[in-house]
Amino acid sequence: MAPFFTDTDEPAEWVLGRDLLADGLTGSAGCGDIWIWPAVGRGDQAMYLVLRSPAGTALLERRQRA
């Protein structure tokens, strides 16, 4: 777990479980503030992760190494 510092007084923290990450490899998974899904039809392997907080939303992309 790592804090993300935003424009608010308190950092935002999310905990990602292994089951959530494993489920996100094959389809959309998550609820509430965390969503993860594979990049379908991109030609390369990638995964997307959305983190939400009252301060905003972050979209992260993780590409698979060759």
Protein backbone atom coordinates (compact mmCIF):
# COMPACT_ATOMS: atom_id res chain seq x y z
CA MET A 1 0.00 0.00 0.00
CA ALA A 2 1.34 3.40 -0.96
CA PRO A 3 -0.29 6.76 -0.26
CA PHE A 4 -1.18 9.10 -3.11
CA PHE A 5 -1.00 12.77 -2.20
CA THR A 6 -3.77 14.91 -3.67
CA ASP A 7 -5.11 18.40 -3.09
CA THR A 8 -6.71 17.32 0.19
CA ASP A 9 -5.18 17.29 3.68
CA GLU A 10 -5.09 13.50 3.87
CA PRO A 11 -3.42 11.16 1.36
CA ALA A 12 -5.62 8.61 -0.44
CA GLU A 13 -4.76 4.94 0.06
CA TRP A 14 -6.06 1.84 -1.70
CA VAL A 15 -5.40 -1.83 -0.93
CA LEU A 16 -5.33 -4.15 -3.95
CA GLY A 17 -5.85 -7.83 -3.23
CA ARG A 18 -4.32 -10.61 -5.30
CA ASP A 19 -7.76 -11.95 -6.17
CA LEU A 20 -8.80 -8.58 -7.59
CA LEU A 21 -5.64 -8.38 -9.72
CA ALA A 22 -6.07 -11.98 -10.94
CA ASP A 23 -9.72 -11.34 -11.85
CA GLY A 24 -8.69 -8.19 -13.72
CA LEU A 25 -6.43 -10.22 -16.02
CA THR A 26 -9.41 -11.89 -17.66
CA GLY A 27 -12.22 -9.35 -17.32
CA SER A 28 -13.53 -6.29 -15.55
CA ALA A 29 -13.22 -6.54 -11.77
CA GLY A 30 -13.65 -4.28 -8.77
CA CYS A 31 -16.23 -2.12 -7.11
CA GLY A 32 -16.46 1.36 -5.65
CA ASP A 33 -13.11 3.16 -5.75
CA ILE A 34 -11.04 0.47 -7.55
CA TRP A 35 -11.62 -1.02 -11.01
CA ILE A 36 -9.26 -3.13 -13.11
CA TRP A 37 -9.62 -4.70 -16.58
CA PRO A 38 -7.51 -6.05 -19.46
CA ALA A 39 -6.93 -3.99 -22.60
CA VAL A 40 -8.90 -5.99 -25.17
CA GLY A 41 -8.00 -5.74 -28.85
CA ARG A 42 -4.86 -3.63 -28.42
CA GLY A 43 -2.46 -6.09 -30.03
CA ASP A 44 -0.17 -5.93 -27.00
CA GLN A 45 -0.99 -7.08 -23.52
CA ALA A 46 -1.94 -4.34 -21.10
CA MET A 47 -4.08 -3.81 -18.04
CA TYR A 48 -5.94 -0.71 -16.84
CA LEU A 49 -6.56 0.35 -13.26
CA VAL A 50 -8.87 3.15 -12.09
CA LEU A 51 -8.49 4.61 -8.59
CA ARG A 52 -11.13 7.06 -7.34
CA SER A 53 -11.14 9.39 -4.34
CA PRO A 54 -13.01 12.56 -3.37
CA ALA A 55 -10.06 14.50 -4.85
CA GLY A 56 -10.39 12.93 -8.30
CA THR A 57 -9.80 9.88 -10.48
CA ALA A 58 -6.59 8.30 -11.78
CA LEU A 59 -6.39 5.98 -14.78
CA LEU A 60 -3.24 3.85 -14.81
CA GLU A 61 -2.02 1.60 -17.63
CA ARG A 62 0.33 -1.32 -17.08
CA ARG A 63 1.86 -2.87 -20.18
CA GLN A 64 3.08 -6.45 -20.20
CA ARG A 65 6.81 -6.87 -20.80
CA ALA A 66 7.82 -8.83 -23.88
